[in-house]
Amino acid sequence: MARIAGVNIPTNKRVQVALSYIHGIGDTFAKEICEKVNIPAERRVNQLSDQEVIQIREVIDRDYMVEGDLRREVSMNVKRLMDLGCYRGMRHRRGLPVRGQRTHTNARTRKGPARPIAGRKK
């Protein structure tokens, strides 16, 4: 099992799919990385040589922000918005949708399960 950026990537999957298991690397970045290291699309992780794994690791470390660094950056950005007290920061603080979605109905993912209101039924 190859370990890249602190994540054990699955051995029997294609390299592009396996790289997307790393937080911050999706399909597009995985394809870019494979092109930089000259790995064919149909190659699987268990067919990689140690040298190729090292090259992938170096490319990711040099060119991409992944895992802990990325999570820290995102949380700092959200914290900055909350400290500023801007509209988006207030929505984060209250646990409501941030990007303009409606909240009269729906928005259950952000708001959590519906709570009954006492004395509402008539």
N, C-alpha and C. Protein backbone atom coordinates (compact mmCIF):
# COMPACT_ATOMS: atom_id res chain seq x y z
N MET A 1 0.85 -1.19 0.00
CA MET A 1 0.00 0.00 0.00
C MET A 1 0.89 1.24 0.00
N ALA A 2 0.70 2.11 -0.97
CA ALA A 2 1.51 3.33 -1.08
C ALA A 2 0.97 4.38 -0.12
N ARG A 3 1.88 5.12 0.48
CA ARG A 3 1.51 6.17 1.41
C ARG A 3 2.00 7.50 0.83
N ILE A 4 1.04 8.35 0.46
CA ILE A 4 1.37 9.64 -0.14
C ILE A 4 0.63 10.72 0.64
N ALA A 5 1.34 11.76 1.04
CA ALA A 5 0.78 12.91 1.78
C ALA A 5 0.07 12.45 3.05
N GLY A 6 0.60 11.41 3.68
CA GLY A 6 0.02 10.93 4.93
C GLY A 6 -1.24 10.10 4.77
N VAL A 7 -1.56 9.68 3.55
CA VAL A 7 -2.78 8.90 3.29
C VAL A 7 -2.38 7.60 2.62
N ASN A 8 -2.92 6.49 3.13
CA ASN A 8 -2.72 5.20 2.47
C ASN A 8 -3.67 5.13 1.28
N ILE A 9 -3.13 5.10 0.08
CA ILE A 9 -4.00 5.03 -1.09
C ILE A 9 -4.18 3.57 -1.49
N PRO A 10 -5.37 3.21 -1.98
CA PRO A 10 -5.65 1.80 -2.29
C PRO A 10 -4.77 1.28 -3.42
N THR A 11 -4.35 0.03 -3.30
CA THR A 11 -3.36 -0.52 -4.23
C THR A 11 -3.96 -1.06 -5.52
N ASN A 12 -5.19 -1.53 -5.49
CA ASN A 12 -5.72 -2.20 -6.68
C ASN A 12 -6.52 -1.27 -7.59
N LYS A 13 -6.52 0.03 -7.32
CA LYS A 13 -7.23 0.98 -8.18
C LYS A 13 -6.26 1.67 -9.13
N ARG A 14 -6.83 2.30 -10.17
CA ARG A 14 -6.01 3.08 -11.08
C ARG A 14 -5.41 4.26 -10.33
N VAL A 15 -4.26 4.74 -10.79
CA VAL A 15 -3.51 5.78 -10.08
C VAL A 15 -4.34 7.05 -9.96
N GLN A 16 -5.04 7.45 -11.04
CA GLN A 16 -5.83 8.68 -11.00
C GLN A 16 -6.94 8.60 -9.96
N VAL A 17 -7.59 7.46 -9.86
CA VAL A 17 -8.66 7.28 -8.89
C VAL A 17 -8.09 7.24 -7.48
N ALA A 18 -6.98 6.54 -7.30
CA ALA A 18 -6.37 6.40 -5.98
C ALA A 18 -5.88 7.75 -5.44
N LEU A 19 -5.34 8.60 -6.32
CA LEU A 19 -4.85 9.91 -5.87
C LEU A 19 -5.98 10.79 -5.37
N SER A 20 -7.20 10.58 -5.87
CA SER A 20 -8.33 11.40 -5.43
C SER A 20 -8.77 11.06 -4.00
N TYR A 21 -8.18 10.03 -3.39
CA TYR A 21 -8.44 9.73 -1.98
C TYR A 21 -7.75 10.75 -1.07
N ILE A 22 -6.82 11.52 -1.62
CA ILE A 22 -6.11 12.55 -0.84
C ILE A 22 -6.97 13.80 -0.82
N HIS A 23 -7.18 14.37 0.35
CA HIS A 23 -7.98 15.59 0.49
C HIS A 23 -7.29 16.73 -0.24
N GLY A 24 -8.00 17.35 -1.18
CA GLY A 24 -7.44 18.45 -1.94
C GLY A 24 -7.04 18.06 -3.35
N ILE A 25 -7.09 16.77 -3.67
CA ILE A 25 -6.80 16.31 -5.03
C ILE A 25 -8.05 15.62 -5.56
N GLY A 26 -8.58 16.18 -6.63
CA GLY A 26 -9.74 15.60 -7.30
C GLY A 26 -9.34 14.99 -8.62
N ASP A 27 -10.31 14.79 -9.50
CA ASP A 27 -10.05 14.15 -10.78
C ASP A 27 -9.07 14.95 -11.64
N THR A 28 -9.29 16.28 -11.70
CA THR A 28 -8.46 17.11 -12.57
C THR A 28 -7.01 17.14 -12.10
N PHE A 29 -6.81 17.38 -10.80
CA PHE A 29 -5.44 17.43 -10.27
C PHE A 29 -4.77 16.06 -10.37
N ALA A 30 -5.52 14.97 -10.16
CA ALA A 30 -4.94 13.63 -10.27
C ALA A 30 -4.46 13.39 -11.69
N LYS A 31 -5.23 13.82 -12.67
CA LYS A 31 -4.83 13.66 -14.07
C LYS A 31 -3.59 14.50 -14.37
N GLU A 32 -3.55 15.73 -13.86
CA GLU A 32 -2.38 16.61 -14.03
C GLU A 32 -1.12 15.95 -13.46
N ILE A 33 -1.24 15.40 -12.26
CA ILE A 33 -0.09 14.79 -11.59
C ILE A 33 0.43 13.61 -12.42
N CYS A 34 -0.49 12.78 -12.92
CA CYS A 34 -0.08 11.63 -13.74
C CYS A 34 0.63 12.07 -15.01
N GLU A 35 0.16 13.18 -15.60
CA GLU A 35 0.82 13.69 -16.81
C GLU A 35 2.22 14.22 -16.49
N LYS A 36 2.38 14.90 -15.34
CA LYS A 36 3.69 15.44 -14.96
C LYS A 36 4.71 14.33 -14.73
N VAL A 37 4.24 13.21 -14.17
CA VAL A 37 5.15 12.11 -13.84
C VAL A 37 5.23 11.09 -14.98
N ASN A 38 4.45 11.31 -16.05
CA ASN A 38 4.42 10.42 -17.21
C ASN A 38 3.96 9.00 -16.86
N ILE A 39 2.82 8.92 -16.17
CA ILE A 39 2.23 7.63 -15.84
C ILE A 39 1.01 7.45 -16.73
N PRO A 40 0.90 6.32 -17.46
CA PRO A 40 -0.28 6.10 -18.31
C PRO A 40 -1.56 5.98 -17.49
N ALA A 41 -2.68 6.32 -18.11
CA ALA A 41 -3.96 6.38 -17.40
C ALA A 41 -4.42 5.02 -16.86
N GLU A 42 -4.08 3.93 -17.59
CA GLU A 42 -4.58 2.61 -17.17
C GLU A 42 -3.69 1.93 -16.14
N ARG A 43 -2.59 2.55 -15.70
CA ARG A 43 -1.66 1.97 -14.73
C ARG A 43 -2.32 1.92 -13.35
N ARG A 44 -2.08 0.85 -12.64
CA ARG A 44 -2.63 0.70 -11.28
C ARG A 44 -1.54 0.95 -10.25
N VAL A 45 -1.97 1.24 -9.01
CA VAL A 45 -1.02 1.62 -7.97
C VAL A 45 -0.04 0.49 -7.67
N ASN A 46 -0.51 -0.76 -7.67
CA ASN A 46 0.39 -1.87 -7.33
C ASN A 46 1.41 -2.14 -8.44
N GLN A 47 1.24 -1.52 -9.62
CA GLN A 47 2.20 -1.67 -10.71
C GLN A 47 3.26 -0.56 -10.72
N LEU A 48 3.12 0.41 -9.82
CA LEU A 48 4.07 1.53 -9.77
C LEU A 48 5.39 1.09 -9.15
N SER A 49 6.47 1.62 -9.67
CA SER A 49 7.77 1.37 -9.05
C SER A 49 7.96 2.35 -7.89
N ASP A 50 8.94 2.06 -7.04
CA ASP A 50 9.22 2.95 -5.91
C ASP A 50 9.63 4.33 -6.40
N GLN A 51 10.35 4.39 -7.50
CA GLN A 51 10.79 5.68 -8.05
C GLN A 51 9.59 6.52 -8.48
N GLU A 52 8.59 5.90 -9.10
CA GLU A 52 7.39 6.62 -9.54
C GLU A 52 6.59 7.15 -8.35
N VAL A 53 6.50 6.35 -7.30
CA VAL A 53 5.80 6.79 -6.09
C VAL A 53 6.52 8.00 -5.49
N ILE A 54 7.83 7.95 -5.47
CA ILE A 54 8.62 9.08 -4.93
C ILE A 54 8.41 10.33 -5.79
N GLN A 55 8.37 10.16 -7.12
CA GLN A 55 8.12 11.30 -8.01
C GLN A 55 6.75 11.90 -7.76
N ILE A 56 5.73 11.06 -7.61
CA ILE A 56 4.37 11.55 -7.32
C ILE A 56 4.37 12.33 -6.01
N ARG A 57 5.02 11.77 -5.00
CA ARG A 57 5.09 12.42 -3.69
C ARG A 57 5.75 13.79 -3.79
N GLU A 58 6.85 13.88 -4.56
CA GLU A 58 7.56 15.16 -4.71
C GLU A 58 6.71 16.19 -5.45
N VAL A 59 6.01 15.77 -6.50
CA VAL A 59 5.16 16.70 -7.26
C VAL A 59 4.05 17.24 -6.37
N ILE A 60 3.44 16.38 -5.59
CA ILE A 60 2.35 16.82 -4.70
C ILE A 60 2.88 17.78 -3.64
N ASP A 61 4.01 17.45 -3.04
CA ASP A 61 4.58 18.32 -2.00
C ASP A 61 4.96 19.69 -2.56
N ARG A 62 5.48 19.70 -3.80
CA ARG A 62 5.97 20.95 -4.39
C ARG A 62 4.84 21.83 -4.92
N ASP A 63 3.83 21.23 -5.58
CA ASP A 63 2.88 22.02 -6.37
C ASP A 63 1.47 22.14 -5.77
N TYR A 64 1.10 21.32 -4.81
CA TYR A 64 -0.29 21.29 -4.35
C TYR A 64 -0.37 21.43 -2.84
N MET A 65 -1.43 22.08 -2.39
CA MET A 65 -1.71 22.16 -0.95
C MET A 65 -2.75 21.08 -0.64
N VAL A 66 -2.39 20.13 0.20
CA VAL A 66 -3.28 18.99 0.47
C VAL A 66 -3.36 18.71 1.96
N GLU A 67 -4.33 17.88 2.32
CA GLU A 67 -4.54 17.37 3.68
C GLU A 67 -4.50 18.44 4.76
N GLY A 68 -3.62 18.33 5.73
CA GLY A 68 -3.63 19.20 6.92
C GLY A 68 -3.46 20.67 6.59
N ASP A 69 -2.56 21.00 5.68
CA ASP A 69 -2.34 22.40 5.31
C ASP A 69 -3.59 23.00 4.70
N LEU A 70 -4.24 22.25 3.81
CA LEU A 70 -5.45 22.74 3.15
C LEU A 70 -6.59 22.91 4.16
N ARG A 71 -6.78 21.92 5.03
CA ARG A 71 -7.83 22.01 6.04
C ARG A 71 -7.59 23.22 6.95
N ARG A 72 -6.34 23.44 7.34
CA ARG A 72 -6.01 24.57 8.20
C ARG A 72 -6.30 25.90 7.50
N GLU A 73 -5.92 25.99 6.22
CA GLU A 73 -6.16 27.21 5.45
C GLU A 73 -7.65 27.52 5.34
N VAL A 74 -8.45 26.50 5.03
CA VAL A 74 -9.90 26.70 4.89
C VAL A 74 -10.50 27.13 6.22
N SER A 75 -10.12 26.47 7.32
CA SER A 75 -10.68 26.85 8.62
C SER A 75 -10.26 28.25 9.02
N MET A 76 -9.02 28.64 8.67
CA MET A 76 -8.58 30.01 8.97
C MET A 76 -9.36 31.04 8.15
N ASN A 77 -9.68 30.71 6.89
CA ASN A 77 -10.49 31.61 6.07
C ASN A 77 -11.88 31.80 6.66
N VAL A 78 -12.49 30.70 7.11
CA VAL A 78 -13.82 30.79 7.72
C VAL A 78 -13.75 31.58 9.02
N LYS A 79 -12.72 31.33 9.82
CA LYS A 79 -12.55 32.06 11.08
C LYS A 79 -12.36 33.55 10.83
N ARG A 80 -11.60 33.90 9.78
CA ARG A 80 -11.40 35.31 9.43
C ARG A 80 -12.72 35.98 9.08
N LEU A 81 -13.56 35.29 8.30
CA LEU A 81 -14.87 35.85 7.95
C LEU A 81 -15.72 36.05 9.20
N MET A 82 -15.66 35.10 10.12
CA MET A 82 -16.45 35.21 11.35
C MET A 82 -15.95 36.36 12.21
N ASP A 83 -14.64 36.54 12.29
CA ASP A 83 -14.08 37.62 13.09
C ASP A 83 -14.41 38.99 12.50
N LEU A 84 -14.45 39.07 11.17
CA LEU A 84 -14.79 40.33 10.51
C LEU A 84 -16.23 40.74 10.80
N GLY A 85 -17.08 39.75 11.00
CA GLY A 85 -18.49 40.04 11.23
C GLY A 85 -19.24 40.35 9.95
N CYS A 86 -18.70 39.94 8.81
CA CYS A 86 -19.38 40.18 7.55
C CYS A 86 -20.56 39.20 7.42
N TYR A 87 -21.36 39.39 6.38
CA TYR A 87 -22.57 38.58 6.20
C TYR A 87 -22.23 37.10 6.15
N ARG A 88 -21.23 36.73 5.33
CA ARG A 88 -20.87 35.32 5.22
C ARG A 88 -20.38 34.76 6.55
N GLY A 89 -19.63 35.57 7.30
CA GLY A 89 -19.16 35.13 8.61
C GLY A 89 -20.31 34.90 9.58
N MET A 90 -21.32 35.78 9.53
CA MET A 90 -22.48 35.61 10.42
C MET A 90 -23.25 34.34 10.06
N ARG A 91 -23.36 34.04 8.77
CA ARG A 91 -24.06 32.81 8.35
C ARG A 91 -23.28 31.58 8.83
N HIS A 92 -21.95 31.62 8.76
CA HIS A 92 -21.16 30.51 9.29
C HIS A 92 -21.39 30.37 10.79
N ARG A 93 -21.38 31.48 11.50
CA ARG A 93 -21.52 31.45 12.96
C ARG A 93 -22.87 30.88 13.37
N ARG A 94 -23.93 31.23 12.62
CA ARG A 94 -25.28 30.76 12.96
C ARG A 94 -25.59 29.38 12.42
N GLY A 95 -24.70 28.84 11.59
CA GLY A 95 -24.93 27.50 11.04
C GLY A 95 -25.99 27.48 9.96
N LEU A 96 -26.10 28.57 9.20
CA LEU A 96 -27.07 28.66 8.12
C LEU A 96 -26.35 28.60 6.78
N PRO A 97 -27.09 28.37 5.68
CA PRO A 97 -26.43 28.35 4.36
C PRO A 97 -25.74 29.67 4.06
N VAL A 98 -24.56 29.59 3.45
CA VAL A 98 -23.72 30.77 3.26
C VAL A 98 -23.89 31.35 1.86
N ARG A 99 -24.23 30.53 0.88
CA ARG A 99 -24.15 30.96 -0.51
C ARG A 99 -25.51 31.28 -1.13
N GLY A 100 -26.43 31.85 -0.36
CA GLY A 100 -27.65 32.39 -0.93
C GLY A 100 -28.79 31.40 -1.09
N GLN A 101 -28.69 30.19 -0.54
CA GLN A 101 -29.77 29.23 -0.67
C GLN A 101 -30.95 29.66 0.19
N ARG A 102 -32.13 29.16 -0.16
CA ARG A 102 -33.32 29.50 0.62
C ARG A 102 -33.33 28.73 1.93
N THR A 103 -33.95 29.31 2.94
CA THR A 103 -34.02 28.64 4.24
C THR A 103 -35.45 28.47 4.74
N HIS A 104 -36.44 29.03 4.01
CA HIS A 104 -37.83 28.87 4.44
C HIS A 104 -38.19 27.39 4.48
N THR A 105 -37.83 26.68 3.42
CA THR A 105 -37.91 25.22 3.42
C THR A 105 -36.50 24.73 3.11
N ASN A 106 -36.28 23.46 3.24
CA ASN A 106 -34.97 22.85 2.94
C ASN A 106 -33.89 23.37 3.89
N ALA A 107 -32.66 23.38 3.47
CA ALA A 107 -31.49 23.78 4.28
C ALA A 107 -31.32 22.90 5.51
N ARG A 108 -31.82 21.68 5.47
CA ARG A 108 -31.75 20.80 6.63
C ARG A 108 -30.33 20.33 6.91
N THR A 109 -29.48 20.28 5.90
CA THR A 109 -28.10 19.84 6.13
C THR A 109 -27.39 20.82 7.05
N ARG A 110 -27.56 22.11 6.82
CA ARG A 110 -26.90 23.12 7.64
C ARG A 110 -27.63 23.34 8.96
N LYS A 111 -28.96 23.34 8.94
CA LYS A 111 -29.73 23.69 10.13
C LYS A 111 -29.91 22.51 11.08
N GLY A 112 -29.73 21.29 10.59
CA GLY A 112 -29.93 20.12 11.42
C GLY A 112 -31.38 19.66 11.35
N PRO A 113 -31.72 18.62 12.11
CA PRO A 113 -33.09 18.11 12.05
C PRO A 113 -34.10 19.14 12.58
N ALA A 114 -35.31 19.09 12.02
CA ALA A 114 -36.35 20.06 12.39
C ALA A 114 -36.75 19.86 13.85
N ARG A 115 -36.88 20.95 14.59
CA ARG A 115 -37.28 20.90 15.99
C ARG A 115 -38.73 21.37 16.10
N PRO A 116 -39.54 20.65 16.85
CA PRO A 116 -40.94 21.07 16.98
C PRO A 116 -41.06 22.37 17.78
N ILE A 117 -42.05 23.17 17.43
CA ILE A 117 -42.32 24.42 18.11
C ILE A 117 -43.51 24.21 19.04
N ALA A 118 -43.36 24.51 20.33
CA ALA A 118 -44.40 24.26 21.32
C ALA A 118 -45.60 25.17 21.04
N GLY A 119 -46.80 24.61 21.14
CA GLY A 119 -48.03 25.39 21.00
C GLY A 119 -48.32 25.81 19.57
N ARG A 120 -47.72 25.17 18.59
CA ARG A 120 -47.88 25.56 17.20
C ARG A 120 -49.11 24.94 16.57
N LYS A 121 -49.46 23.70 16.97
CA LYS A 121 -50.54 22.95 16.32
C LYS A 121 -51.90 23.55 16.68
N LYS A 122 -52.77 23.74 15.67
CA LYS A 122 -54.10 24.28 15.94
C LYS A 122 -55.15 23.49 15.20
